[in-house]
PDB file of N, CA and C in Angstrom:
ATOM      1  N   MET A   1    -139.437  14.981 -92.467  1.00  0.00           N
ATOM      2  CA  MET A   1    -139.804  13.585 -92.309  1.00  0.00           C
ATOM      3  C   MET A   1    -140.987  13.269 -93.207  1.00  0.00           C
ATOM      4  N   PHE A   2    -142.050  13.976 -93.240  1.00  0.00           N
ATOM      5  CA  PHE A   2    -143.233  13.805 -94.042  1.00  0.00           C
ATOM      6  C   PHE A   2    -142.754  13.855 -95.625  1.00  0.00           C
ATOM      7  N   ASP A   3    -142.106  14.840 -95.967  1.00  0.00           N
ATOM      8  CA  ASP A   3    -141.649  15.050 -97.400  1.00  0.00           C
ATOM      9  C   ASP A   3    -140.873  13.860 -97.885  1.00  0.00           C
ATOM     10  N   GLU A   4    -140.027  13.339 -96.982  1.00  0.00           N
ATOM     11  CA  GLU A   4    -139.266  12.168 -97.505  1.00  0.00           C
ATOM     12  C   GLU A   4    -140.133  11.049 -97.648  1.00  0.00           C
ATOM     13  N   ASP A   5    -141.044  10.716 -96.807  1.00  0.00           N
ATOM     14  CA  ASP A   5    -141.962   9.550 -96.923  1.00  0.00           C
ATOM     15  C   ASP A   5    -142.926   9.691 -98.069  1.00  0.00           C
ATOM     16  N   ILE A   6    -143.443  10.938 -98.350  1.00  0.00           N
ATOM     17  CA  ILE A   6    -144.515  11.078 -99.302  1.00  0.00           C
ATOM     18  C   ILE A   6    -143.906  10.919-100.744  1.00  0.00           C
ATOM     19  N   THR A   7    -142.671  11.183-100.966  1.00  0.00           N
ATOM     20  CA  THR A   7    -142.165  11.078-102.347  1.00  0.00           C
ATOM     21  C   THR A   7    -142.230   9.609-102.887  1.00  0.00           C
ATOM     22  N   VAL A   8    -142.232   8.675-102.014  1.00  0.00           N
ATOM     23  CA  VAL A   8    -142.427   7.230-102.465  1.00  0.00           C
ATOM     24  C   VAL A   8    -143.787   6.811-102.638  1.00  0.00           C
ATOM     25  N   SER A   9    -144.758   7.749-102.484  1.00  0.00           N
ATOM     26  CA  SER A   9    -146.137   7.299-102.508  1.00  0.00           C
ATOM     27  C   SER A   9    -146.853   7.961-103.699  1.00  0.00           C
ATOM     28  N   VAL A  10    -146.127   8.373-104.663  1.00  0.00           N
ATOM     29  CA  VAL A  10    -146.721   9.176-105.806  1.00  0.00           C
ATOM     30  C   VAL A  10    -147.705   8.229-106.627  1.00  0.00           C
ATOM     31  N   THR A  11    -147.626   6.905-106.386  1.00  0.00           N
ATOM     32  CA  THR A  11    -148.585   6.060-107.183  1.00  0.00           C
ATOM     33  C   THR A  11    -149.960   5.992-106.580  1.00  0.00           C
ATOM     34  N   LYS A  12    -150.143   6.557-105.371  1.00  0.00           N
ATOM     35  CA  LYS A  12    -151.462   6.576-104.861  1.00  0.00           C
ATOM     36  C   LYS A  12    -151.976   7.966-104.755  1.00  0.00           C
ATOM     37  N   ARG A  13    -153.296   8.161-104.921  1.00  0.00           N
ATOM     38  CA  ARG A  13    -153.924   9.520-105.023  1.00  0.00           C
ATOM     39  C   ARG A  13    -154.140  10.105-103.582  1.00  0.00           C
ATOM     40  N   TYR A  14    -154.320   9.229-102.579  1.00  0.00           N
ATOM     41  CA  TYR A  14    -154.623   9.754-101.265  1.00  0.00           C
ATOM     42  C   TYR A  14    -153.689   9.167-100.257  1.00  0.00           C
ATOM     43  N   VAL A  15    -153.175  10.045 -99.319  1.00  0.00           N
ATOM     44  CA  VAL A  15    -152.247   9.452 -98.313  1.00  0.00           C
ATOM     45  C   VAL A  15    -152.764  10.019 -96.948  1.00  0.00           C
ATOM     46  N   VAL A  16    -152.911   9.142 -95.957  1.00  0.00           N
ATOM     47  CA  VAL A  16    -153.412   9.523 -94.607  1.00  0.00           C
ATOM     48  C   VAL A  16    -152.177   9.507 -93.746  1.00  0.00           C
ATOM     49  N   TRP A  17    -151.777  10.652 -93.191  1.00  0.00           N
ATOM     50  CA  TRP A  17    -150.660  10.826 -92.285  1.00  0.00           C
ATOM     51  C   TRP A  17    -151.201  10.886 -90.796  1.00  0.00           C
ATOM     52  N   ALA A  18    -150.765   9.979 -90.027  1.00  0.00           N
ATOM     53  CA  ALA A  18    -151.295  10.056 -88.639  1.00  0.00           C
ATOM     54  C   ALA A  18    -150.165   9.594 -87.686  1.00  0.00           C
ATOM     55  N   GLU A  19    -150.082  10.265 -86.639  1.00  0.00           N
ATOM     56  CA  GLU A  19    -149.214   9.912 -85.458  1.00  0.00           C
ATOM     57  C   GLU A  19    -147.709   9.821 -85.945  1.00  0.00           C
ATOM     58  N   GLY A  20    -147.282  10.710 -86.789  1.00  0.00           N
ATOM     59  CA  GLY A  20    -145.903  10.720 -87.326  1.00  0.00           C
ATOM     60  C   GLY A  20    -145.542   9.828 -88.382  1.00  0.00           C
ATOM     61  N   SER A  21    -146.497   9.165 -89.050  1.00  0.00           N
ATOM     62  CA  SER A  21    -146.103   8.258 -90.206  1.00  0.00           C
ATOM     63  C   SER A  21    -147.286   8.089 -91.069  1.00  0.00           C
ATOM     64  N   ILE A  22    -147.035   7.493 -92.244  1.00  0.00           N
ATOM     65  CA  ILE A  22    -148.192   7.206 -93.203  1.00  0.00           C
ATOM     66  C   ILE A  22    -148.981   6.089 -92.716  1.00  0.00           C
ATOM     67  N   ALA A  23    -150.228   6.290 -92.553  1.00  0.00           N
ATOM     68  CA  ALA A  23    -151.125   5.209 -92.002  1.00  0.00           C
ATOM     69  C   ALA A  23    -151.770   4.495 -93.258  1.00  0.00           C
ATOM     70  N   LEU A  24    -151.831   5.158 -94.287  1.00  0.00           N
ATOM     71  CA  LEU A  24    -152.560   4.513 -95.466  1.00  0.00           C
ATOM     72  C   LEU A  24    -152.162   5.283 -96.699  1.00  0.00           C
ATOM     73  N   LYS A  25    -151.962   4.537 -97.774  1.00  0.00           N
ATOM     74  CA  LYS A  25    -151.861   5.035 -99.062  1.00  0.00           C
ATOM     75  C   LYS A  25    -152.935   4.323-100.000  1.00  0.00           C
ATOM     76  N   THR A  26    -153.742   5.053-100.659  1.00  0.00           N
ATOM     77  CA  THR A  26    -154.794   4.473-101.418  1.00  0.00           C
ATOM     78  C   THR A  26    -155.279   5.310-102.473  1.00  0.00           C
ATOM     79  N   ASP A  27    -156.023   4.706-103.441  1.00  0.00           N
ATOM     80  CA  ASP A  27    -156.654   5.434-104.547  1.00  0.00           C
ATOM     81  C   ASP A  27    -158.172   5.610-104.235  1.00  0.00           C
ATOM     82  N   ASP A  28    -158.631   5.133-103.087  1.00  0.00           N
ATOM     83  CA  ASP A  28    -160.068   5.097-102.690  1.00  0.00           C
ATOM     84  C   ASP A  28    -160.216   6.259-101.734  1.00  0.00           C
ATOM     85  N   LEU A  29    -160.903   7.359-102.086  1.00  0.00           N
ATOM     86  CA  LEU A  29    -161.092   8.421-101.205  1.00  0.00           C
ATOM     87  C   LEU A  29    -162.013   7.997 -99.976  1.00  0.00           C
ATOM     88  N   GLU A  30    -162.929   7.153-100.133  1.00  0.00           N
ATOM     89  CA  GLU A  30    -163.897   6.830 -98.962  1.00  0.00           C
ATOM     90  C   GLU A  30    -162.963   6.054 -97.979  1.00  0.00           C
ATOM     91  N   LYS A  31    -162.075   5.156 -98.377  1.00  0.00           N
ATOM     92  CA  LYS A  31    -161.271   4.534 -97.357  1.00  0.00           C
ATOM     93  C   LYS A  31    -160.299   5.469 -96.616  1.00  0.00           C
ATOM     94  N   ALA A  32    -159.793   6.462 -97.408  1.00  0.00           N
ATOM     95  CA  ALA A  32    -159.003   7.448 -96.760  1.00  0.00           C
ATOM     96  C   ALA A  32    -159.788   8.257 -95.781  1.00  0.00           C
ATOM     97  N   GLU A  33    -160.960   8.637 -96.063  1.00  0.00           N
ATOM     98  CA  GLU A  33    -161.801   9.461 -95.143  1.00  0.00           C
ATOM     99  C   GLU A  33    -162.131   8.702 -93.981  1.00  0.00           C
ATOM    100  N   ILE A  34    -162.528   7.442 -94.088  1.00  0.00           N
ATOM    101  CA  ILE A  34    -162.783   6.637 -93.015  1.00  0.00           C
ATOM    102  C   ILE A  34    -161.670   6.373 -91.977  1.00  0.00           C
ATOM    103  N   LEU A  35    -160.469   6.135 -92.532  1.00  0.00           N
ATOM    104  CA  LEU A  35    -159.398   5.966 -91.573  1.00  0.00           C
ATOM    105  C   LEU A  35    -159.119   7.290 -90.978  1.00  0.00           C
ATOM    106  N   TYR A  36    -159.015   8.357 -91.705  1.00  0.00           N
ATOM    107  CA  TYR A  36    -158.670   9.695 -91.140  1.00  0.00           C
ATOM    108  C   TYR A  36    -159.658   9.971 -90.061  1.00  0.00           C
ATOM    109  N   THR A  37    -161.054   9.730 -90.270  1.00  0.00           N
ATOM    110  CA  THR A  37    -162.035  10.104 -89.210  1.00  0.00           C
ATOM    111  C   THR A  37    -161.806   9.163 -87.984  1.00  0.00           C
ATOM    112  N   ASP A  38    -161.475   7.930 -88.158  1.00  0.00           N
ATOM    113  CA  ASP A  38    -161.238   6.987 -87.070  1.00  0.00           C
ATOM    114  C   ASP A  38    -159.945   7.458 -86.281  1.00  0.00           C
ATOM    115  N   LYS A  39    -158.951   7.867 -86.964  1.00  0.00           N
ATOM    116  CA  LYS A  39    -157.707   8.299 -86.209  1.00  0.00           C
ATOM    117  C   LYS A  39    -158.087   9.601 -85.393  1.00  0.00           C
ATOM    118  N   CYS A  40    -158.880  10.462 -86.004  1.00  0.00           N
ATOM    119  CA  CYS A  40    -159.246  11.671 -85.332  1.00  0.00           C
ATOM    120  C   CYS A  40    -160.118  11.319 -84.077  1.00  0.00           C
ATOM    121  N   LYS A  41    -160.980  10.334 -84.116  1.00  0.00           N
ATOM    122  CA  LYS A  41    -161.756   9.954 -83.062  1.00  0.00           C
ATOM    123  C   LYS A  41    -160.890   9.402 -81.843  1.00  0.00           C
ATOM    124  N   GLU A  42    -159.761   8.896 -82.109  1.00  0.00           N
ATOM    125  CA  GLU A  42    -158.848   8.429 -81.042  1.00  0.00           C
ATOM    126  C   GLU A  42    -158.357   9.612 -80.156  1.00  0.00           C
ATOM    127  N   HIS A  43    -158.430  10.838 -80.662  1.00  0.00           N
ATOM    128  CA  HIS A  43    -157.938  11.972 -79.993  1.00  0.00           C
ATOM    129  C   HIS A  43    -159.034  13.084 -79.684  1.00  0.00           C
ATOM    130  N   TYR A  44    -160.015  13.053 -80.264  1.00  0.00           N
ATOM    131  CA  TYR A  44    -161.100  14.053 -80.162  1.00  0.00           C
ATOM    132  C   TYR A  44    -162.496  13.480 -79.973  1.00  0.00           C
ATOM    133  N   ASP A  45    -163.330  14.097 -79.129  1.00  0.00           N
ATOM    134  CA  ASP A  45    -164.692  13.679 -78.915  1.00  0.00           C
ATOM    135  C   ASP A  45    -165.697  14.125 -79.915  1.00  0.00           C
ATOM    136  N   ASP A  46    -165.478  15.136 -80.636  1.00  0.00           N
ATOM    137  CA  ASP A  46    -166.450  15.839 -81.514  1.00  0.00           C
ATOM    138  C   ASP A  46    -166.035  15.701 -82.943  1.00  0.00           C
ATOM    139  N   VAL A  47    -165.804  14.544 -83.406  1.00  0.00           N
ATOM    140  CA  VAL A  47    -165.433  14.370 -84.774  1.00  0.00           C
ATOM    141  C   VAL A  47    -166.576  14.169 -85.686  1.00  0.00           C
ATOM    142  N   HIS A  48    -166.697  14.892 -86.746  1.00  0.00           N
ATOM    143  CA  HIS A  48    -167.904  14.915 -87.585  1.00  0.00           C
ATOM    144  C   HIS A  48    -167.709  14.291 -88.922  1.00  0.00           C
ATOM    145  N   GLY A  49    -166.474  13.974 -89.295  1.00  0.00           N
ATOM    146  CA  GLY A  49    -166.232  13.402 -90.624  1.00  0.00           C
ATOM    147  C   GLY A  49    -166.319  14.487 -91.742  1.00  0.00           C
ATOM    148  N   ARG A  50    -166.761  14.214 -92.874  1.00  0.00           N
ATOM    149  CA  ARG A  50    -166.820  15.119 -93.985  1.00  0.00           C
ATOM    150  C   ARG A  50    -167.697  16.272 -93.632  1.00  0.00           C
ATOM    151  N   PHE A  51    -167.250  17.623 -94.032  1.00  0.00           N
ATOM    152  CA  PHE A  51    -168.138  18.728 -93.879  1.00  0.00           C
ATOM    153  C   PHE A  51    -169.227  18.692 -94.935  1.00  0.00           C
ATOM    154  N   GLU A  52    -170.486  18.837 -94.446  1.00  0.00           N
ATOM    155  CA  GLU A  52    -171.567  18.843 -95.332  1.00  0.00           C
ATOM    156  C   GLU A  52    -172.347  20.252 -95.344  1.00  0.00           C
ATOM    157  N   ILE A  53    -172.441  20.879 -96.448  1.00  0.00           N
ATOM    158  CA  ILE A  53    -173.173  22.143 -96.473  1.00  0.00           C
ATOM    159  C   ILE A  53    -174.661  21.840 -96.085  1.00  0.00           C
ATOM    160  N   GLY A  54    -175.192  22.599 -95.253  1.00  0.00           N
ATOM    161  CA  GLY A  54    -176.570  22.436 -94.787  1.00  0.00           C
ATOM    162  C   GLY A  54    -176.646  21.589 -93.562  1.00  0.00           C
ATOM    163  N   ARG A  55    -175.629  20.807 -93.206  1.00  0.00           N
ATOM    164  CA  ARG A  55    -175.602  19.984 -92.026  1.00  0.00           C
ATOM    165  C   ARG A  55    -174.569  20.540 -90.926  1.00  0.00           C
ATOM    166  N   HIS A  56    -173.506  21.184 -91.489  1.00  0.00           N
ATOM    167  CA  HIS A  56    -172.432  21.741 -90.595  1.00  0.00           C
ATOM    168  C   HIS A  56    -172.126  23.192 -90.880  1.00  0.00           C
ATOM    169  N   VAL A  57    -171.593  23.724 -89.864  1.00  0.00           N
ATOM    170  CA  VAL A  57    -171.177  25.095 -89.968  1.00  0.00           C
ATOM    171  C   VAL A  57    -169.670  25.170 -89.472  1.00  0.00           C
ATOM    172  N   LEU A  58    -168.903  26.162 -89.902  1.00  0.00           N
ATOM    173  CA  LEU A  58    -167.583  26.330 -89.561  1.00  0.00           C
ATOM    174  C   LEU A  58    -167.514  27.504 -88.559  1.00  0.00           C
ATOM    175  N   ASP A  59    -167.041  27.243 -87.344  1.00  0.00           N
ATOM    176  CA  ASP A  59    -167.009  28.284 -86.301  1.00  0.00           C
ATOM    177  C   ASP A  59    -165.610  28.389 -85.804  1.00  0.00           C
ATOM    178  N   ASP A  60    -164.877  29.468 -86.173  1.00  0.00           N
ATOM    179  CA  ASP A  60    -163.542  29.663 -85.782  1.00  0.00           C
ATOM    180  C   ASP A  60    -162.609  28.481 -86.098  1.00  0.00           C
ATOM    181  N   GLY A  61    -162.923  28.000 -87.308  1.00  0.00           N
ATOM    182  CA  GLY A  61    -162.063  26.904 -87.747  1.00  0.00           C
ATOM    183  C   GLY A  61    -162.397  25.496 -87.298  1.00  0.00           C
ATOM    184  N   VAL A  62    -163.536  25.422 -86.542  1.00  0.00           N
ATOM    185  CA  VAL A  62    -164.022  24.169 -85.993  1.00  0.00           C
ATOM    186  C   VAL A  62    -165.306  23.807 -86.658  1.00  0.00           C
ATOM    187  N   VAL A  63    -165.485  22.618 -87.218  1.00  0.00           N
ATOM    188  CA  VAL A  63    -166.741  22.194 -87.763  1.00  0.00           C
ATOM    189  C   VAL A  63    -167.649  21.685 -86.677  1.00  0.00           C
ATOM    190  N   LYS A  64    -168.812  22.223 -86.762  1.00  0.00           N
ATOM    191  CA  LYS A  64    -169.938  21.902 -85.760  1.00  0.00           C
ATOM    192  C   LYS A  64    -171.147  21.524 -86.552  1.00  0.00           C
ATOM    193  N   THR A  65    -171.939  20.618 -85.952  1.00  0.00           N
ATOM    194  CA  THR A  65    -173.212  20.220 -86.553  1.00  0.00           C
ATOM    195  C   THR A  65    -174.220  21.418 -86.334  1.00  0.00           C
ATOM    196  N   ILE A  66    -174.991  21.715 -87.266  1.00  0.00           N
ATOM    197  CA  ILE A  66    -176.065  22.741 -87.054  1.00  0.00           C
ATOM    198  C   ILE A  66    -176.904  22.361 -85.903  1.00  0.00           C
ATOM    199  N   GLY A  67    -177.111  23.340 -84.918  1.00  0.00           N
ATOM    200  CA  GLY A  67    -177.925  23.108 -83.839  1.00  0.00           C
ATOM    201  C   GLY A  67    -177.060  22.721 -82.600  1.00  0.00           C
ATOM    202  N   GLU A  68    -175.751  22.178 -82.837  1.00  0.00           N
ATOM    203  CA  GLU A  68    -174.830  21.849 -81.726  1.00  0.00           C
ATOM    204  C   GLU A  68    -174.416  23.180 -81.060  1.00  0.00           C
ATOM    205  N   GLU A  69    -174.317  23.152 -79.786  1.00  0.00           N
ATOM    206  CA  GLU A  69    -173.847  24.420 -79.045  1.00  0.00           C
ATOM    207  C   GLU A  69    -172.519  24.774 -79.514  1.00  0.00           C
ATOM    208  N   ILE A  70    -172.378  26.038 -79.942  1.00  0.00           N
ATOM    209  CA  ILE A  70    -171.100  26.567 -80.459  1.00  0.00           C
ATOM    210  C   ILE A  70    -170.272  27.201 -79.408  1.00  0.00           C
TER     211      ILE A  70
END
């Protein structure tokens, strides 16, 4: 299903896929990141957005803020 939908979106650089369908097609990375983060917040309590070196660590595939209990 994703592959069939994505082929029609080759004119956009970023595609946000959420809840079984394309939620956004855009050339703006910031808009794509914001929508992706918002969609994640609907399902998870500990969403951090973009991984930032020096601010976050990766623990068993999960992004955590430095100092946050792992």
